[in-house]
Every structure is written in C-alpha cells, then in structure tokens.
Amino acid sequence: MKVDVVDQQTVYDGFVRLEEARLRHERFDGTMSDELTRLNVDRGDSAAAVVLDLDTSTVILTEQFRYPTHTNDEGWILELPAGSIDTDEDPVEAMKRELTEEIGYAVNELRHVSTFYTTPGASSERIWLYLARVRGADQVSGGGGVAQEGEDIRAVRLPVGEIGAAIAGGRIKDAKTTVGLLWLIGHIDTR
C-alpha cells in the first residue's frame, strides 16, 4: 500500500525524538486518504528478557521509578529487565549488557521470543523479547542499574505459579512484561 509523506520534521530531540509528519495513505478501497498530521515518538528499539531462575522456579523482575506512570498511578513499577539498544548494537548483546547492569546476571544464551511494537499509534519503538534461563551461579554482581544514568533498580522475584494472579490482580501493569510473562506460562515447561 502507498504512503505519501508531504512533510516531516523533528519538533523535539532529547531523550526521545518527536517527529511530526503530514501524509496521505492508501485506503483499503484503493483511494488516498485526506492529508493527516501524525506524531511519532522515536526512542529507538529496546530489548527485554523474561528471566527464569531454574533453581527457584521464579522470574526475576525489576522495580524502578518511572515518571510517566507516576502521572497516572504509582511511579514504581515491576518490569522485565530491559533497556535501549544502542545505535548499531546487536539486540542480544544489548540484552546481555542490561541483565548484568540491572539484576547482576551474566547470561550466555538468550532465546528470541518475539519482536513487537509497544505503542504503534504513537511510537516506532520495537521490543526484542528474549527468554533467559539462569541459575544462582550465573549471578556475578548485585545489579541495581547504572548510577551515572540515574538508575535505582531493585530485583524482585515472582514465583512462576503466581504470574497469572499478579497480572490479573494489577501487580503487573507494564505491557512488555505482561506479554513476556503470558508467553512464559503458555509455552515453557519450568521443571
């Protein structure tokens, strides 16, 4: 299908880049739409991992303050370990780096689960989702994040048997975390 971008400009360039575009796109009946104005929050892509501790049958989540969630709810939120993929960085290498920084685990093997958009109506960000199986011996540090980046991260363990209740009860509110944990309980033998 056809898209005609009439004009595109960056209206903000900081932690994220905000782009504004005027465009027309082909409709399902073959005609072109009227000219529309659309915004895109471009923050690059990210990687996240469902971390399954085989020794304890728990998943290791992170808890940290997120200002955007504070505007609607509590600011502290449980999430999968995750982080931005640097320019020209391999998503697997980015995830390995983030696992060490955030929860202190060195992981050699990651299984790709899915790649998906987080908020396709507003952002071009994709999440590369992985499964990381760990054991106690894989922990190499205390994690906690990178202080120079303002990170203050706490690792939280959630028993695999409590995942469904944590999602249904509203303890898990983050979309990538919900996707990853639902995938886990539907596809992995945790024995």
C-alpha atoms as a PDB file:
ATOM      1  CA  MET A   1       0.000   0.000   0.000  1.00  0.00           C
ATOM      2  CA  LYS A   2       1.138   3.516  -0.742  1.00  0.00           C
ATOM      3  CA  VAL A   3       2.109   6.307   1.686  1.00  0.00           C
ATOM      4  CA  ASP A   4       2.916   9.862   0.541  1.00  0.00           C
ATOM      5  CA  VAL A   5       4.809  11.877   3.165  1.00  0.00           C
ATOM      6  CA  VAL A   6       4.134  15.518   2.336  1.00  0.00           C
ATOM      7  CA  ASP A   7       6.357  16.942   5.078  1.00  0.00           C
ATOM      8  CA  GLN A   8       8.268  15.579   8.046  1.00  0.00           C
ATOM      9  CA  GLN A   9      10.129  17.479  10.737  1.00  0.00           C
ATOM     10  CA  THR A  10      11.691  16.883  14.127  1.00  0.00           C
ATOM     11  CA  VAL A  11       9.905  19.014  16.721  1.00  0.00           C
ATOM     12  CA  TYR A  12      11.910  17.801  19.739  1.00  0.00           C
ATOM     13  CA  ASP A  13      15.223  15.972  20.036  1.00  0.00           C
ATOM     14  CA  GLY A  14      16.282  14.953  23.551  1.00  0.00           C
ATOM     15  CA  PHE A  15      15.924  11.661  25.440  1.00  0.00           C
ATOM     16  CA  VAL A  16      13.424  10.820  22.687  1.00  0.00           C
ATOM     17  CA  ARG A  17      12.888  12.420  19.323  1.00  0.00           C
ATOM     18  CA  LEU A  18       9.407  13.664  18.441  1.00  0.00           C
ATOM     19  CA  GLU A  19       8.675  13.750  14.732  1.00  0.00           C
ATOM     20  CA  GLU A  20       5.673  15.366  13.105  1.00  0.00           C
ATOM     21  CA  ALA A  21       4.592  14.299   9.636  1.00  0.00           C
ATOM     22  CA  ARG A  22       1.915  15.392   7.214  1.00  0.00           C
ATOM     23  CA  LEU A  23       0.921  12.486   5.000  1.00  0.00           C
ATOM     24  CA  ARG A  24      -1.654  10.706   2.933  1.00  0.00           C
ATOM     25  CA  HIS A  25      -2.011   6.934   2.785  1.00  0.00           C
ATOM     26  CA  GLU A  26      -3.800   4.490   0.555  1.00  0.00           C
ATOM     27  CA  ARG A  27      -7.102   3.331   1.984  1.00  0.00           C
ATOM     28  CA  PHE A  28      -8.349  -0.264   1.770  1.00  0.00           C
ATOM     29  CA  ASP A  29     -10.691   0.721  -1.092  1.00  0.00           C
ATOM     30  CA  GLY A  30      -7.697   1.965  -3.150  1.00  0.00           C
ATOM     31  CA  THR A  31      -8.363   5.697  -2.739  1.00  0.00           C
ATOM     32  CA  MET A  32      -5.962   8.041  -0.942  1.00  0.00           C
ATOM     33  CA  SER A  33      -6.844   9.489   2.459  1.00  0.00           C
ATOM     34  CA  ASP A  34      -7.115  13.183   3.144  1.00  0.00           C
ATOM     35  CA  GLU A  35      -3.881  14.780   4.386  1.00  0.00           C
ATOM     36  CA  LEU A  36      -3.291  13.789   8.014  1.00  0.00           C
ATOM     37  CA  THR A  37      -0.904  15.044  10.691  1.00  0.00           C
ATOM     38  CA  ARG A  38       0.721  12.300  12.750  1.00  0.00           C
ATOM     39  CA  LEU A  39       3.335  12.248  15.500  1.00  0.00           C
ATOM     40  CA  ASN A  40       5.997   9.620  16.154  1.00  0.00           C
ATOM     41  CA  VAL A  41       7.920   9.270  19.391  1.00  0.00           C
ATOM     42  CA  ASP A  42      11.224   7.822  18.214  1.00  0.00           C
ATOM     43  CA  ARG A  43      13.248   6.450  21.124  1.00  0.00           C
ATOM     44  CA  GLY A  44      14.928   3.670  19.207  1.00  0.00           C
ATOM     45  CA  ASP A  45      14.437  -0.017  19.853  1.00  0.00           C
ATOM     46  CA  SER A  46      14.761  -1.874  23.150  1.00  0.00           C
ATOM     47  CA  ALA A  47      15.427  -5.382  24.364  1.00  0.00           C
ATOM     48  CA  ALA A  48      13.712  -7.155  27.266  1.00  0.00           C
ATOM     49  CA  ALA A  49      14.033 -10.610  28.806  1.00  0.00           C
ATOM     50  CA  VAL A  50      11.884 -12.991  30.750  1.00  0.00           C
ATOM     51  CA  VAL A  51      14.455 -14.201  33.295  1.00  0.00           C
ATOM     52  CA  LEU A  52      13.563 -17.648  34.580  1.00  0.00           C
ATOM     53  CA  ASP A  53      15.585 -18.845  37.569  1.00  0.00           C
ATOM     54  CA  LEU A  54      15.627 -22.621  37.190  1.00  0.00           C
ATOM     55  CA  ASP A  55      16.884 -23.160  40.748  1.00  0.00           C
ATOM     56  CA  THR A  56      13.965 -21.373  42.419  1.00  0.00           C
ATOM     57  CA  SER A  57      11.151 -21.531  39.782  1.00  0.00           C
ATOM     58  CA  THR A  58      10.859 -17.761  39.912  1.00  0.00           C
ATOM     59  CA  VAL A  59      11.040 -14.998  37.355  1.00  0.00           C
ATOM     60  CA  ILE A  60      13.322 -12.090  38.160  1.00  0.00           C
ATOM     61  CA  LEU A  61      11.718  -8.719  37.549  1.00  0.00           C
ATOM     62  CA  THR A  62      12.969  -5.202  38.107  1.00  0.00           C
ATOM     63  CA  GLU A  63      11.302  -2.479  40.107  1.00  0.00           C
ATOM     64  CA  GLN A  64      12.142   1.152  39.481  1.00  0.00           C
ATOM     65  CA  PHE A  65      10.619   4.621  39.343  1.00  0.00           C
ATOM     66  CA  ARG A  66       9.047   5.652  36.033  1.00  0.00           C
ATOM     67  CA  TYR A  67       7.837   9.241  35.862  1.00  0.00           C
ATOM     68  CA  PRO A  68       5.245   8.631  33.102  1.00  0.00           C
ATOM     69  CA  THR A  69       3.462   6.014  35.257  1.00  0.00           C
ATOM     70  CA  HIS A  70       3.588   8.431  38.184  1.00  0.00           C
ATOM     71  CA  THR A  71       1.350  10.819  36.224  1.00  0.00           C
ATOM     72  CA  ASN A  72      -1.487   8.238  36.341  1.00  0.00           C
ATOM     73  CA  ASP A  73      -0.689   5.885  39.184  1.00  0.00           C
ATOM     74  CA  GLU A  74       2.263   4.886  41.307  1.00  0.00           C
ATOM     75  CA  GLY A  75       5.678   5.701  39.921  1.00  0.00           C
ATOM     76  CA  TRP A  76       7.322   2.416  40.918  1.00  0.00           C
ATOM     77  CA  ILE A  77       6.545  -0.383  38.507  1.00  0.00           C
ATOM     78  CA  LEU A  78       7.509  -4.028  38.056  1.00  0.00           C
ATOM     79  CA  GLU A  79       9.030  -4.818  34.679  1.00  0.00           C
ATOM     80  CA  LEU A  80      11.119  -7.335  32.842  1.00  0.00           C
ATOM     81  CA  PRO A  81      14.792  -6.367  32.784  1.00  0.00           C
ATOM     82  CA  ALA A  82      15.076  -4.196  29.678  1.00  0.00           C
ATOM     83  CA  GLY A  83      16.954  -1.370  28.073  1.00  0.00           C
ATOM     84  CA  SER A  84      17.657   0.603  24.964  1.00  0.00           C
ATOM     85  CA  ILE A  85      19.612  -0.864  22.094  1.00  0.00           C
ATOM     86  CA  ASP A  86      22.473   1.463  21.217  1.00  0.00           C
ATOM     87  CA  THR A  87      22.991   2.515  17.591  1.00  0.00           C
ATOM     88  CA  ASP A  88      24.467  -0.402  15.608  1.00  0.00           C
ATOM     89  CA  GLU A  89      24.295  -2.665  18.692  1.00  0.00           C
ATOM     90  CA  ASP A  90      23.055  -6.228  18.342  1.00  0.00           C
ATOM     91  CA  PRO A  91      19.840  -6.742  20.360  1.00  0.00           C
ATOM     92  CA  VAL A  92      21.269  -9.891  22.009  1.00  0.00           C
ATOM     93  CA  GLU A  93      24.385  -8.032  23.170  1.00  0.00           C
ATOM     94  CA  ALA A  94      22.232  -5.154  24.442  1.00  0.00           C
ATOM     95  CA  MET A  95      20.138  -7.591  26.465  1.00  0.00           C
ATOM     96  CA  LYS A  96      23.174  -9.314  27.935  1.00  0.00           C
ATOM     97  CA  ARG A  97      24.537  -5.905  28.999  1.00  0.00           C
ATOM     98  CA  GLU A  98      21.230  -4.905  30.577  1.00  0.00           C
ATOM     99  CA  LEU A  99      20.923  -8.184  32.507  1.00  0.00           C
ATOM    100  CA  THR A 100      24.308  -7.604  34.096  1.00  0.00           C
ATOM    101  CA  GLU A 101      23.619  -3.935  34.850  1.00  0.00           C
ATOM    102  CA  GLU A 102      20.091  -4.331  36.199  1.00  0.00           C
ATOM    103  CA  ILE A 103      19.993  -7.687  38.008  1.00  0.00           C
ATOM    104  CA  GLY A 104      23.648  -8.773  38.097  1.00  0.00           C
ATOM    105  CA  TYR A 105      23.381 -11.913  35.954  1.00  0.00           C
ATOM    106  CA  ALA A 106      25.808 -12.942  33.216  1.00  0.00           C
ATOM    107  CA  VAL A 107      23.832 -14.791  30.570  1.00  0.00           C
ATOM    108  CA  ASN A 108      25.457 -16.593  27.666  1.00  0.00           C
ATOM    109  CA  GLU A 109      22.365 -17.777  25.821  1.00  0.00           C
ATOM    110  CA  LEU A 110      19.141 -15.969  25.047  1.00  0.00           C
ATOM    111  CA  ARG A 111      16.170 -17.418  23.188  1.00  0.00           C
ATOM    112  CA  HIS A 112      14.335 -14.975  20.925  1.00  0.00           C
ATOM    113  CA  VAL A 113      10.604 -14.990  21.735  1.00  0.00           C
ATOM    114  CA  SER A 114       9.141 -12.137  19.694  1.00  0.00           C
ATOM    115  CA  THR A 115       9.675  -8.647  18.352  1.00  0.00           C
ATOM    116  CA  PHE A 116       6.742  -6.265  18.687  1.00  0.00           C
ATOM    117  CA  TYR A 117       5.692  -2.617  18.804  1.00  0.00           C
ATOM    118  CA  THR A 118       4.827  -1.201  22.199  1.00  0.00           C
ATOM    119  CA  THR A 119       2.504   1.643  21.186  1.00  0.00           C
ATOM    120  CA  PRO A 120       2.154   1.600  17.376  1.00  0.00           C
ATOM    121  CA  GLY A 121      -0.224   4.551  17.326  1.00  0.00           C
ATOM    122  CA  ALA A 122       2.366   6.859  18.886  1.00  0.00           C
ATOM    123  CA  SER A 123       5.835   5.309  18.797  1.00  0.00           C
ATOM    124  CA  SER A 124       8.140   3.467  16.395  1.00  0.00           C
ATOM    125  CA  GLU A 125       9.833   1.617  19.291  1.00  0.00           C
ATOM    126  CA  ARG A 126      10.109  -2.147  18.925  1.00  0.00           C
ATOM    127  CA  ILE A 127      10.857  -4.544  21.754  1.00  0.00           C
ATOM    128  CA  TRP A 128      13.107  -7.544  21.102  1.00  0.00           C
ATOM    129  CA  LEU A 129      11.865 -10.050  23.682  1.00  0.00           C
ATOM    130  CA  TYR A 130      14.055 -12.926  24.898  1.00  0.00           C
ATOM    131  CA  LEU A 131      13.975 -15.773  27.367  1.00  0.00           C
ATOM    132  CA  ALA A 132      16.973 -16.065  29.699  1.00  0.00           C
ATOM    133  CA  ARG A 133      17.273 -19.208  31.803  1.00  0.00           C
ATOM    134  CA  VAL A 134      19.537 -18.632  34.781  1.00  0.00           C
ATOM    135  CA  ARG A 135      20.803 -20.401  37.877  1.00  0.00           C
ATOM    136  CA  GLY A 136      22.242 -18.940  41.071  1.00  0.00           C
ATOM    137  CA  ALA A 137      25.794 -19.487  39.790  1.00  0.00           C
ATOM    138  CA  ASP A 138      25.104 -17.029  36.942  1.00  0.00           C
ATOM    139  CA  GLN A 139      24.818 -14.074  39.325  1.00  0.00           C
ATOM    140  CA  VAL A 140      28.039 -12.064  39.092  1.00  0.00           C
ATOM    141  CA  SER A 141      27.049  -8.822  40.873  1.00  0.00           C
ATOM    142  CA  GLY A 142      24.264  -7.149  42.795  1.00  0.00           C
ATOM    143  CA  GLY A 143      22.915  -5.311  39.747  1.00  0.00           C
ATOM    144  CA  GLY A 144      20.940  -2.188  40.606  1.00  0.00           C
ATOM    145  CA  GLY A 145      21.456  -0.286  37.361  1.00  0.00           C
ATOM    146  CA  VAL A 146      23.947   2.338  36.268  1.00  0.00           C
ATOM    147  CA  ALA A 147      24.163   5.135  38.837  1.00  0.00           C
ATOM    148  CA  GLN A 148      25.519   7.642  36.269  1.00  0.00           C
ATOM    149  CA  GLU A 149      22.281   7.135  34.299  1.00  0.00           C
ATOM    150  CA  GLY A 150      20.155   7.844  37.385  1.00  0.00           C
ATOM    151  CA  GLU A 151      19.081   4.211  37.690  1.00  0.00           C
ATOM    152  CA  ASP A 152      17.979   2.809  41.043  1.00  0.00           C
ATOM    153  CA  ILE A 153      16.761  -0.715  40.293  1.00  0.00           C
ATOM    154  CA  ARG A 154      15.686  -3.455  42.660  1.00  0.00           C
ATOM    155  CA  ALA A 155      15.392  -7.106  41.612  1.00  0.00           C
ATOM    156  CA  VAL A 156      12.101  -8.731  42.604  1.00  0.00           C
ATOM    157  CA  ARG A 157      11.387 -12.458  42.385  1.00  0.00           C
ATOM    158  CA  LEU A 158       7.948 -13.688  41.423  1.00  0.00           C
ATOM    159  CA  PRO A 159       7.128 -17.401  41.748  1.00  0.00           C
ATOM    160  CA  VAL A 160       6.102 -18.842  38.383  1.00  0.00           C
ATOM    161  CA  GLY A 161       2.887 -20.149  39.951  1.00  0.00           C
ATOM    162  CA  GLU A 162       1.859 -16.590  40.912  1.00  0.00           C
ATOM    163  CA  ILE A 163       2.276 -14.976  37.474  1.00  0.00           C
ATOM    164  CA  GLY A 164      -1.380 -15.234  36.445  1.00  0.00           C
ATOM    165  CA  ALA A 165      -2.621 -13.728  39.711  1.00  0.00           C
ATOM    166  CA  ALA A 166      -0.038 -10.917  39.522  1.00  0.00           C
ATOM    167  CA  ILE A 167      -1.273  -9.951  36.065  1.00  0.00           C
ATOM    168  CA  ALA A 168      -4.994 -10.348  36.844  1.00  0.00           C
ATOM    169  CA  GLY A 169      -4.631  -8.516  40.156  1.00  0.00           C
ATOM    170  CA  GLY A 170      -2.918  -5.490  38.614  1.00  0.00           C
ATOM    171  CA  ARG A 171       0.501  -6.025  40.168  1.00  0.00           C
ATOM    172  CA  ILE A 172       1.951  -6.266  36.645  1.00  0.00           C
ATOM    173  CA  LYS A 173       0.972  -3.177  34.629  1.00  0.00           C
ATOM    174  CA  ASP A 174       3.702  -2.975  32.015  1.00  0.00           C
ATOM    175  CA  ALA A 175       2.795  -4.238  28.520  1.00  0.00           C
ATOM    176  CA  LYS A 176       6.107  -5.888  27.607  1.00  0.00           C
ATOM    177  CA  THR A 177       6.138  -7.621  30.980  1.00  0.00           C
ATOM    178  CA  THR A 178       2.580  -8.862  30.524  1.00  0.00           C
ATOM    179  CA  VAL A 179       3.411 -10.149  27.035  1.00  0.00           C
ATOM    180  CA  GLY A 180       6.553 -11.904  28.233  1.00  0.00           C
ATOM    181  CA  LEU A 181       5.023 -13.480  31.315  1.00  0.00           C
ATOM    182  CA  LEU A 182       1.912 -14.694  29.487  1.00  0.00           C
ATOM    183  CA  TRP A 183       4.178 -16.230  26.876  1.00  0.00           C
ATOM    184  CA  LEU A 184       6.156 -17.947  29.619  1.00  0.00           C
ATOM    185  CA  ILE A 185       3.186 -19.559  31.337  1.00  0.00           C
ATOM    186  CA  GLY A 186       1.827 -20.697  27.977  1.00  0.00           C
ATOM    187  CA  HIS A 187       4.978 -22.096  26.410  1.00  0.00           C
ATOM    188  CA  ILE A 188       7.650 -23.147  28.862  1.00  0.00           C
ATOM    189  CA  ASP A 189       7.985 -26.230  30.991  1.00  0.00           C
ATOM    190  CA  THR A 190       9.534 -24.706  34.113  1.00  0.00           C
ATOM    191  CA  ARG A 191      10.686 -28.002  35.671  1.00  0.00           C
END
